[in-house]
Amino acid sequence: MNPKKLLTDDDAVSPVIGVILMVAITVILAAVIASFVLGLGNSTNTTPSASFNFDYSEADGNVTVTHATGDNIDSARLSVVLNGTSEDWPNSGTVSSGSTISVGLNGSVFENSNLTASSGDTIKVAWNSEDGESSSTLGEYDVPDN
């Protein structure tokens, strides 16, 4: 037996590397296919970026909510929360910069429920994802003390 020939013999290296590469490719393909089948690839909900202004009127107890800046939002995704009571955004369509609603006894939201905004109350504008699995508060306002 020639020891020099053993050190230079690399016949077995190529098949071993080939098997390792084939296993790696198979594992990667299985992971990609599983993510598409299980829907893991498209499970992101992006919360819109928007700023809301709140103006309180002591005379009638209404708070005017105005979409100041940011993304246009489908009104079906928005709700207004007053003291834990939630109502859908009253206007249908798209809520964009300059869109306003009035919250309170004489306003367009909660007018049939006899709720009025008074000192210490909290008003929130909430966004809900289309699949209903996530929500986010886009604006919050505490009604000032009179």
N, C-alpha and C. Protein backbone atom coordinates (compact mmCIF):
# COMPACT_ATOMS: atom_id res chain seq x y z
N MET A 1 0.84 -1.17 0.00
CA MET A 1 0.00 0.00 0.00
C MET A 1 0.89 1.24 0.00
N ASN A 2 0.53 2.19 -0.79
CA ASN A 2 1.31 3.40 -0.94
C ASN A 2 0.65 4.53 -0.14
N PRO A 3 1.29 5.00 0.96
CA PRO A 3 0.70 6.05 1.79
C PRO A 3 0.54 7.38 1.04
N LYS A 4 1.41 7.68 0.11
CA LYS A 4 1.29 8.93 -0.64
C LYS A 4 0.03 8.94 -1.49
N LYS A 5 -0.37 7.80 -1.99
CA LYS A 5 -1.57 7.72 -2.81
C LYS A 5 -2.82 7.94 -1.98
N LEU A 6 -2.81 7.50 -0.69
CA LEU A 6 -3.96 7.69 0.17
C LEU A 6 -4.20 9.18 0.47
N LEU A 7 -3.12 9.93 0.62
CA LEU A 7 -3.26 11.35 0.92
C LEU A 7 -3.75 12.14 -0.28
N THR A 8 -3.49 11.69 -1.45
CA THR A 8 -3.92 12.42 -2.65
C THR A 8 -5.21 11.87 -3.24
N ASP A 9 -5.72 10.79 -2.70
CA ASP A 9 -6.96 10.19 -3.23
C ASP A 9 -8.16 10.95 -2.68
N ASP A 10 -8.93 11.67 -3.53
CA ASP A 10 -10.10 12.43 -3.11
C ASP A 10 -11.36 11.99 -3.85
N ASP A 11 -11.43 10.71 -4.16
CA ASP A 11 -12.60 10.20 -4.87
C ASP A 11 -13.88 10.31 -4.04
N ALA A 12 -13.84 10.16 -2.73
CA ALA A 12 -15.03 10.15 -1.89
C ALA A 12 -15.54 11.55 -1.54
N VAL A 13 -14.77 12.59 -1.76
CA VAL A 13 -15.17 13.94 -1.38
C VAL A 13 -16.33 14.43 -2.23
N SER A 14 -16.30 14.22 -3.48
CA SER A 14 -17.34 14.72 -4.38
C SER A 14 -18.72 14.14 -4.08
N PRO A 15 -18.88 12.83 -3.87
CA PRO A 15 -20.21 12.31 -3.55
C PRO A 15 -20.74 12.81 -2.20
N VAL A 16 -19.88 12.99 -1.21
CA VAL A 16 -20.32 13.47 0.10
C VAL A 16 -20.83 14.90 -0.01
N ILE A 17 -20.10 15.75 -0.69
CA ILE A 17 -20.54 17.13 -0.88
C ILE A 17 -21.83 17.18 -1.69
N GLY A 18 -21.96 16.34 -2.67
CA GLY A 18 -23.18 16.29 -3.47
C GLY A 18 -24.38 15.91 -2.64
N VAL A 19 -24.24 14.94 -1.76
CA VAL A 19 -25.35 14.52 -0.89
C VAL A 19 -25.73 15.65 0.07
N ILE A 20 -24.74 16.33 0.65
CA ILE A 20 -25.02 17.43 1.57
C ILE A 20 -25.76 18.56 0.85
N LEU A 21 -25.35 18.89 -0.35
CA LEU A 21 -26.03 19.94 -1.12
C LEU A 21 -27.46 19.55 -1.47
N MET A 22 -27.68 18.30 -1.83
CA MET A 22 -29.03 17.86 -2.16
C MET A 22 -29.95 17.91 -0.94
N VAL A 23 -29.44 17.52 0.23
CA VAL A 23 -30.24 17.60 1.46
C VAL A 23 -30.57 19.06 1.79
N ALA A 24 -29.60 19.95 1.65
CA ALA A 24 -29.83 21.37 1.94
C ALA A 24 -30.88 21.96 1.00
N ILE A 25 -30.80 21.64 -0.28
CA ILE A 25 -31.78 22.14 -1.25
C ILE A 25 -33.18 21.61 -0.92
N THR A 26 -33.27 20.35 -0.54
CA THR A 26 -34.55 19.75 -0.20
C THR A 26 -35.17 20.44 1.03
N VAL A 27 -34.35 20.71 2.04
CA VAL A 27 -34.85 21.36 3.25
C VAL A 27 -35.34 22.78 2.93
N ILE A 28 -34.59 23.52 2.14
CA ILE A 28 -34.99 24.89 1.77
C ILE A 28 -36.28 24.88 0.97
N LEU A 29 -36.40 24.00 0.01
CA LEU A 29 -37.64 23.89 -0.78
C LEU A 29 -38.83 23.54 0.11
N ALA A 30 -38.64 22.62 1.04
CA ALA A 30 -39.74 22.24 1.94
C ALA A 30 -40.17 23.43 2.79
N ALA A 31 -39.23 24.23 3.26
CA ALA A 31 -39.58 25.40 4.08
C ALA A 31 -40.34 26.44 3.27
N VAL A 32 -39.92 26.70 2.04
CA VAL A 32 -40.61 27.68 1.19
C VAL A 32 -42.03 27.22 0.87
N ILE A 33 -42.18 25.97 0.50
CA ILE A 33 -43.51 25.44 0.17
C ILE A 33 -44.41 25.45 1.40
N ALA A 34 -43.88 25.09 2.56
CA ALA A 34 -44.68 25.09 3.78
C ALA A 34 -45.15 26.50 4.14
N SER A 35 -44.30 27.51 3.94
CA SER A 35 -44.71 28.87 4.28
C SER A 35 -45.83 29.36 3.37
N PHE A 36 -45.83 28.98 2.10
CA PHE A 36 -46.92 29.37 1.21
C PHE A 36 -48.20 28.60 1.53
N VAL A 37 -48.08 27.32 1.79
CA VAL A 37 -49.26 26.50 2.07
C VAL A 37 -49.92 26.92 3.39
N LEU A 38 -49.12 27.20 4.41
CA LEU A 38 -49.65 27.56 5.72
C LEU A 38 -49.99 29.05 5.83
N GLY A 39 -49.68 29.82 4.80
CA GLY A 39 -50.02 31.23 4.81
C GLY A 39 -49.13 32.08 5.69
N LEU A 40 -47.95 31.61 6.00
CA LEU A 40 -47.06 32.38 6.86
C LEU A 40 -46.41 33.53 6.12
N GLY A 41 -46.40 33.48 4.81
CA GLY A 41 -45.74 34.51 4.03
C GLY A 41 -46.50 35.80 3.90
N ASN A 42 -47.81 35.80 4.11
CA ASN A 42 -48.60 37.01 3.91
C ASN A 42 -49.45 37.36 5.13
N SER A 43 -48.89 37.20 6.32
CA SER A 43 -49.67 37.42 7.54
C SER A 43 -49.35 38.76 8.21
N THR A 44 -49.00 39.77 7.42
CA THR A 44 -48.67 41.05 8.02
C THR A 44 -49.83 42.03 7.84
N ASN A 45 -50.17 42.71 8.89
CA ASN A 45 -51.16 43.79 8.87
C ASN A 45 -50.42 45.08 9.21
N THR A 46 -50.45 46.02 8.32
CA THR A 46 -49.76 47.27 8.55
C THR A 46 -50.75 48.30 9.07
N THR A 47 -50.50 48.77 10.26
CA THR A 47 -51.35 49.81 10.85
C THR A 47 -51.11 51.12 10.11
N PRO A 48 -52.16 51.79 9.70
CA PRO A 48 -51.96 53.07 9.00
C PRO A 48 -51.38 54.12 9.94
N SER A 49 -50.66 55.03 9.36
CA SER A 49 -50.09 56.13 10.11
C SER A 49 -50.98 57.35 9.90
N ALA A 50 -51.62 57.82 10.96
CA ALA A 50 -52.52 58.96 10.84
C ALA A 50 -52.52 59.75 12.14
N SER A 51 -52.78 61.04 12.03
CA SER A 51 -52.86 61.92 13.19
C SER A 51 -54.25 62.54 13.24
N PHE A 52 -54.86 62.54 14.41
CA PHE A 52 -56.20 63.10 14.60
C PHE A 52 -56.14 64.24 15.59
N ASN A 53 -56.87 65.32 15.29
CA ASN A 53 -57.02 66.45 16.20
C ASN A 53 -58.39 66.38 16.85
N PHE A 54 -58.48 66.83 18.11
CA PHE A 54 -59.71 66.81 18.87
C PHE A 54 -59.99 68.22 19.38
N ASP A 55 -61.22 68.74 19.12
CA ASP A 55 -61.63 70.06 19.59
C ASP A 55 -62.91 69.93 20.39
N TYR A 56 -62.86 70.33 21.67
CA TYR A 56 -63.99 70.20 22.57
C TYR A 56 -64.79 71.50 22.64
N SER A 57 -66.12 71.38 22.57
CA SER A 57 -67.01 72.53 22.71
C SER A 57 -67.77 72.39 24.03
N GLU A 58 -67.50 73.29 24.95
CA GLU A 58 -68.19 73.24 26.25
C GLU A 58 -69.68 73.52 26.11
N ALA A 59 -70.05 74.29 25.09
CA ALA A 59 -71.45 74.70 24.92
C ALA A 59 -72.38 73.50 24.70
N ASP A 60 -72.00 72.58 23.86
CA ASP A 60 -72.90 71.46 23.56
C ASP A 60 -72.32 70.09 23.94
N GLY A 61 -71.12 70.04 24.47
CA GLY A 61 -70.53 68.76 24.89
C GLY A 61 -70.03 67.92 23.75
N ASN A 62 -69.90 68.49 22.57
CA ASN A 62 -69.39 67.74 21.42
C ASN A 62 -67.88 67.88 21.29
N VAL A 63 -67.26 66.84 20.78
CA VAL A 63 -65.85 66.88 20.43
C VAL A 63 -65.75 66.64 18.94
N THR A 64 -65.14 67.58 18.22
CA THR A 64 -64.95 67.43 16.79
C THR A 64 -63.62 66.71 16.56
N VAL A 65 -63.68 65.58 15.87
CA VAL A 65 -62.49 64.79 15.56
C VAL A 65 -62.14 65.03 14.11
N THR A 66 -60.90 65.45 13.85
CA THR A 66 -60.45 65.77 12.50
C THR A 66 -59.23 64.93 12.15
N HIS A 67 -59.28 64.30 10.98
CA HIS A 67 -58.11 63.58 10.46
C HIS A 67 -57.14 64.66 9.98
N ALA A 68 -56.07 64.87 10.71
CA ALA A 68 -55.15 65.98 10.41
C ALA A 68 -54.18 65.62 9.29
N THR A 69 -53.43 64.57 9.47
CA THR A 69 -52.43 64.16 8.47
C THR A 69 -52.30 62.64 8.48
N GLY A 70 -51.68 62.13 7.42
CA GLY A 70 -51.36 60.71 7.38
C GLY A 70 -52.07 59.97 6.27
N ASP A 71 -52.08 58.66 6.40
CA ASP A 71 -52.65 57.78 5.39
C ASP A 71 -54.16 57.94 5.27
N ASN A 72 -54.67 57.72 4.06
CA ASN A 72 -56.12 57.60 3.85
C ASN A 72 -56.54 56.24 4.42
N ILE A 73 -57.69 56.22 5.10
CA ILE A 73 -58.13 55.00 5.78
C ILE A 73 -59.56 54.69 5.39
N ASP A 74 -59.85 53.42 5.13
CA ASP A 74 -61.21 52.98 4.85
C ASP A 74 -62.04 53.16 6.12
N SER A 75 -63.15 53.88 6.03
CA SER A 75 -63.96 54.17 7.22
C SER A 75 -64.52 52.90 7.87
N ALA A 76 -64.65 51.83 7.11
CA ALA A 76 -65.14 50.57 7.68
C ALA A 76 -64.15 49.98 8.67
N ARG A 77 -62.90 50.42 8.64
CA ARG A 77 -61.86 49.93 9.55
C ARG A 77 -61.76 50.78 10.82
N LEU A 78 -62.46 51.92 10.86
CA LEU A 78 -62.35 52.84 12.00
C LEU A 78 -63.55 52.76 12.92
N SER A 79 -63.30 52.99 14.20
CA SER A 79 -64.38 53.11 15.17
C SER A 79 -64.01 54.20 16.17
N VAL A 80 -65.04 54.74 16.81
CA VAL A 80 -64.87 55.77 17.83
C VAL A 80 -65.30 55.17 19.16
N VAL A 81 -64.47 55.35 20.18
CA VAL A 81 -64.75 54.78 21.50
C VAL A 81 -64.88 55.92 22.50
N LEU A 82 -66.02 55.97 23.18
CA LEU A 82 -66.27 56.96 24.23
C LEU A 82 -66.61 56.21 25.51
N ASN A 83 -65.74 56.34 26.51
CA ASN A 83 -65.94 55.67 27.80
C ASN A 83 -66.17 54.17 27.65
N GLY A 84 -65.47 53.55 26.75
CA GLY A 84 -65.57 52.11 26.54
C GLY A 84 -66.67 51.67 25.61
N THR A 85 -67.54 52.59 25.18
CA THR A 85 -68.60 52.26 24.23
C THR A 85 -68.11 52.58 22.83
N SER A 86 -68.16 51.57 21.95
CA SER A 86 -67.61 51.72 20.61
C SER A 86 -68.72 51.85 19.57
N GLU A 87 -68.50 52.73 18.63
CA GLU A 87 -69.41 52.91 17.49
C GLU A 87 -68.57 52.99 16.22
N ASP A 88 -69.13 52.52 15.11
CA ASP A 88 -68.44 52.62 13.83
C ASP A 88 -68.29 54.07 13.41
N TRP A 89 -67.25 54.33 12.64
CA TRP A 89 -67.06 55.67 12.07
C TRP A 89 -68.28 55.97 11.22
N PRO A 90 -68.95 57.10 11.41
CA PRO A 90 -70.27 57.31 10.79
C PRO A 90 -70.26 57.53 9.28
N ASN A 91 -69.22 58.07 8.72
CA ASN A 91 -69.21 58.35 7.28
C ASN A 91 -68.63 57.17 6.52
N SER A 92 -69.27 56.79 5.43
CA SER A 92 -68.74 55.68 4.64
C SER A 92 -67.75 56.21 3.62
N GLY A 93 -66.87 55.36 3.18
CA GLY A 93 -65.88 55.74 2.18
C GLY A 93 -64.50 55.83 2.79
N THR A 94 -63.73 56.79 2.30
CA THR A 94 -62.35 56.95 2.73
C THR A 94 -62.23 58.15 3.66
N VAL A 95 -61.52 57.95 4.76
CA VAL A 95 -61.24 59.04 5.69
C VAL A 95 -59.85 59.57 5.33
N SER A 96 -59.81 60.84 4.94
CA SER A 96 -58.55 61.45 4.52
C SER A 96 -58.35 62.76 5.29
N SER A 97 -57.23 63.41 5.05
CA SER A 97 -56.93 64.67 5.74
C SER A 97 -58.07 65.66 5.56
N GLY A 98 -58.52 66.22 6.66
CA GLY A 98 -59.62 67.18 6.63
C GLY A 98 -60.97 66.58 6.95
N SER A 99 -61.10 65.25 6.94
CA SER A 99 -62.37 64.60 7.28
C SER A 99 -62.66 64.83 8.75
N THR A 100 -63.92 65.20 9.06
CA THR A 100 -64.29 65.45 10.45
C THR A 100 -65.57 64.72 10.82
N ILE A 101 -65.69 64.42 12.11
CA ILE A 101 -66.93 63.92 12.69
C ILE A 101 -67.11 64.61 14.03
N SER A 102 -68.31 64.57 14.54
CA SER A 102 -68.60 65.17 15.83
C SER A 102 -69.06 64.08 16.80
N VAL A 103 -68.43 64.03 17.96
CA VAL A 103 -68.73 63.01 18.96
C VAL A 103 -69.44 63.68 20.13
N GLY A 104 -70.60 63.16 20.52
CA GLY A 104 -71.32 63.69 21.67
C GLY A 104 -72.81 63.61 21.48
N LEU A 105 -73.55 64.25 22.35
CA LEU A 105 -75.01 64.17 22.36
C LEU A 105 -75.62 64.71 21.07
N ASN A 106 -75.10 65.82 20.57
CA ASN A 106 -75.64 66.41 19.35
C ASN A 106 -74.81 66.09 18.12
N GLY A 107 -73.84 65.22 18.28
CA GLY A 107 -72.94 64.90 17.17
C GLY A 107 -73.44 63.74 16.34
N SER A 108 -72.65 63.41 15.33
CA SER A 108 -73.04 62.34 14.41
C SER A 108 -72.73 60.95 14.97
N VAL A 109 -71.95 60.87 16.04
CA VAL A 109 -71.64 59.60 16.68
C VAL A 109 -72.27 59.61 18.06
N PHE A 110 -72.89 58.54 18.47
CA PHE A 110 -73.50 58.35 19.79
C PHE A 110 -74.76 59.20 19.99
N GLU A 111 -75.31 59.82 18.95
CA GLU A 111 -76.47 60.69 19.15
C GLU A 111 -77.71 59.91 19.56
N ASN A 112 -77.77 58.62 19.24
CA ASN A 112 -78.94 57.83 19.63
C ASN A 112 -78.75 57.10 20.96
N SER A 113 -77.60 57.26 21.58
CA SER A 113 -77.36 56.53 22.82
C SER A 113 -77.32 57.43 24.05
N ASN A 114 -77.62 58.72 23.89
CA ASN A 114 -77.63 59.68 24.99
C ASN A 114 -76.29 59.82 25.69
N LEU A 115 -75.20 59.47 25.02
CA LEU A 115 -73.88 59.70 25.58
C LEU A 115 -73.41 61.09 25.17
N THR A 116 -72.79 61.78 26.09
CA THR A 116 -72.20 63.07 25.77
C THR A 116 -70.81 63.12 26.37
N ALA A 117 -69.93 63.80 25.69
CA ALA A 117 -68.57 63.93 26.19
C ALA A 117 -68.56 64.95 27.31
N SER A 118 -68.06 64.56 28.47
CA SER A 118 -67.95 65.49 29.59
C SER A 118 -66.56 65.38 30.20
N SER A 119 -66.24 66.24 31.13
CA SER A 119 -64.89 66.30 31.67
C SER A 119 -64.46 64.94 32.23
N GLY A 120 -63.22 64.60 31.92
CA GLY A 120 -62.66 63.33 32.39
C GLY A 120 -62.91 62.16 31.46
N ASP A 121 -63.78 62.30 30.46
CA ASP A 121 -64.05 61.21 29.53
C ASP A 121 -62.88 61.03 28.57
N THR A 122 -62.76 59.83 28.04
CA THR A 122 -61.71 59.53 27.06
C THR A 122 -62.36 59.14 25.74
N ILE A 123 -61.90 59.77 24.68
CA ILE A 123 -62.37 59.46 23.33
C ILE A 123 -61.18 58.90 22.57
N LYS A 124 -61.41 57.77 21.90
CA LYS A 124 -60.34 57.13 21.11
C LYS A 124 -60.82 56.91 19.69
N VAL A 125 -59.89 57.01 18.75
CA VAL A 125 -60.12 56.61 17.37
C VAL A 125 -59.33 55.32 17.19
N ALA A 126 -60.03 54.23 16.90
CA ALA A 126 -59.39 52.92 16.80
C ALA A 126 -59.46 52.40 15.37
N TRP A 127 -58.39 51.74 14.94
CA TRP A 127 -58.33 51.08 13.64
C TRP A 127 -58.36 49.58 13.88
N ASN A 128 -59.18 48.86 13.08
CA ASN A 128 -59.27 47.40 13.17
C ASN A 128 -58.84 46.80 11.85
N SER A 129 -58.01 45.75 11.92
CA SER A 129 -57.55 45.10 10.69
C SER A 129 -58.71 44.42 9.97
N GLU A 130 -58.52 44.17 8.71
CA GLU A 130 -59.59 43.57 7.90
C GLU A 130 -59.97 42.19 8.38
N ASP A 131 -58.98 41.42 8.86
CA ASP A 131 -59.29 40.08 9.35
C ASP A 131 -59.77 40.08 10.80
N GLY A 132 -59.77 41.25 11.44
CA GLY A 132 -60.28 41.37 12.80
C GLY A 132 -59.35 40.84 13.87
N GLU A 133 -58.13 40.47 13.51
CA GLU A 133 -57.21 39.89 14.47
C GLU A 133 -56.37 40.92 15.22
N SER A 134 -56.31 42.15 14.70
CA SER A 134 -55.52 43.16 15.39
C SER A 134 -56.21 44.51 15.30
N SER A 135 -55.89 45.35 16.27
CA SER A 135 -56.42 46.71 16.28
C SER A 135 -55.38 47.63 16.88
N SER A 136 -55.56 48.92 16.65
CA SER A 136 -54.60 49.89 17.15
C SER A 136 -55.32 51.21 17.39
N THR A 137 -54.90 51.93 18.43
CA THR A 137 -55.45 53.24 18.71
C THR A 137 -54.67 54.28 17.92
N LEU A 138 -55.36 55.01 17.05
CA LEU A 138 -54.71 56.02 16.21
C LEU A 138 -54.72 57.39 16.87
N GLY A 139 -55.68 57.64 17.74
CA GLY A 139 -55.76 58.93 18.43
C GLY A 139 -56.53 58.78 19.72
N GLU A 140 -56.15 59.57 20.72
CA GLU A 140 -56.81 59.51 22.02
C GLU A 140 -56.90 60.91 22.59
N TYR A 141 -58.02 61.20 23.26
CA TYR A 141 -58.24 62.53 23.80
C TYR A 141 -58.98 62.43 25.12
N ASP A 142 -58.48 63.13 26.13
CA ASP A 142 -59.16 63.22 27.42
C ASP A 142 -59.85 64.58 27.46
N VAL A 143 -61.17 64.55 27.65
CA VAL A 143 -61.95 65.78 27.70
C VAL A 143 -61.50 66.57 28.94
N PRO A 144 -61.19 67.86 28.76
CA PRO A 144 -60.67 68.65 29.88
C PRO A 144 -61.74 68.94 30.93
N ASP A 145 -61.26 69.26 32.12
CA ASP A 145 -62.17 69.68 33.20
C ASP A 145 -62.71 71.06 32.88
N ASN A 146 -63.99 71.27 33.15
CA ASN A 146 -64.60 72.58 32.87
C ASN A 146 -64.18 73.62 33.86
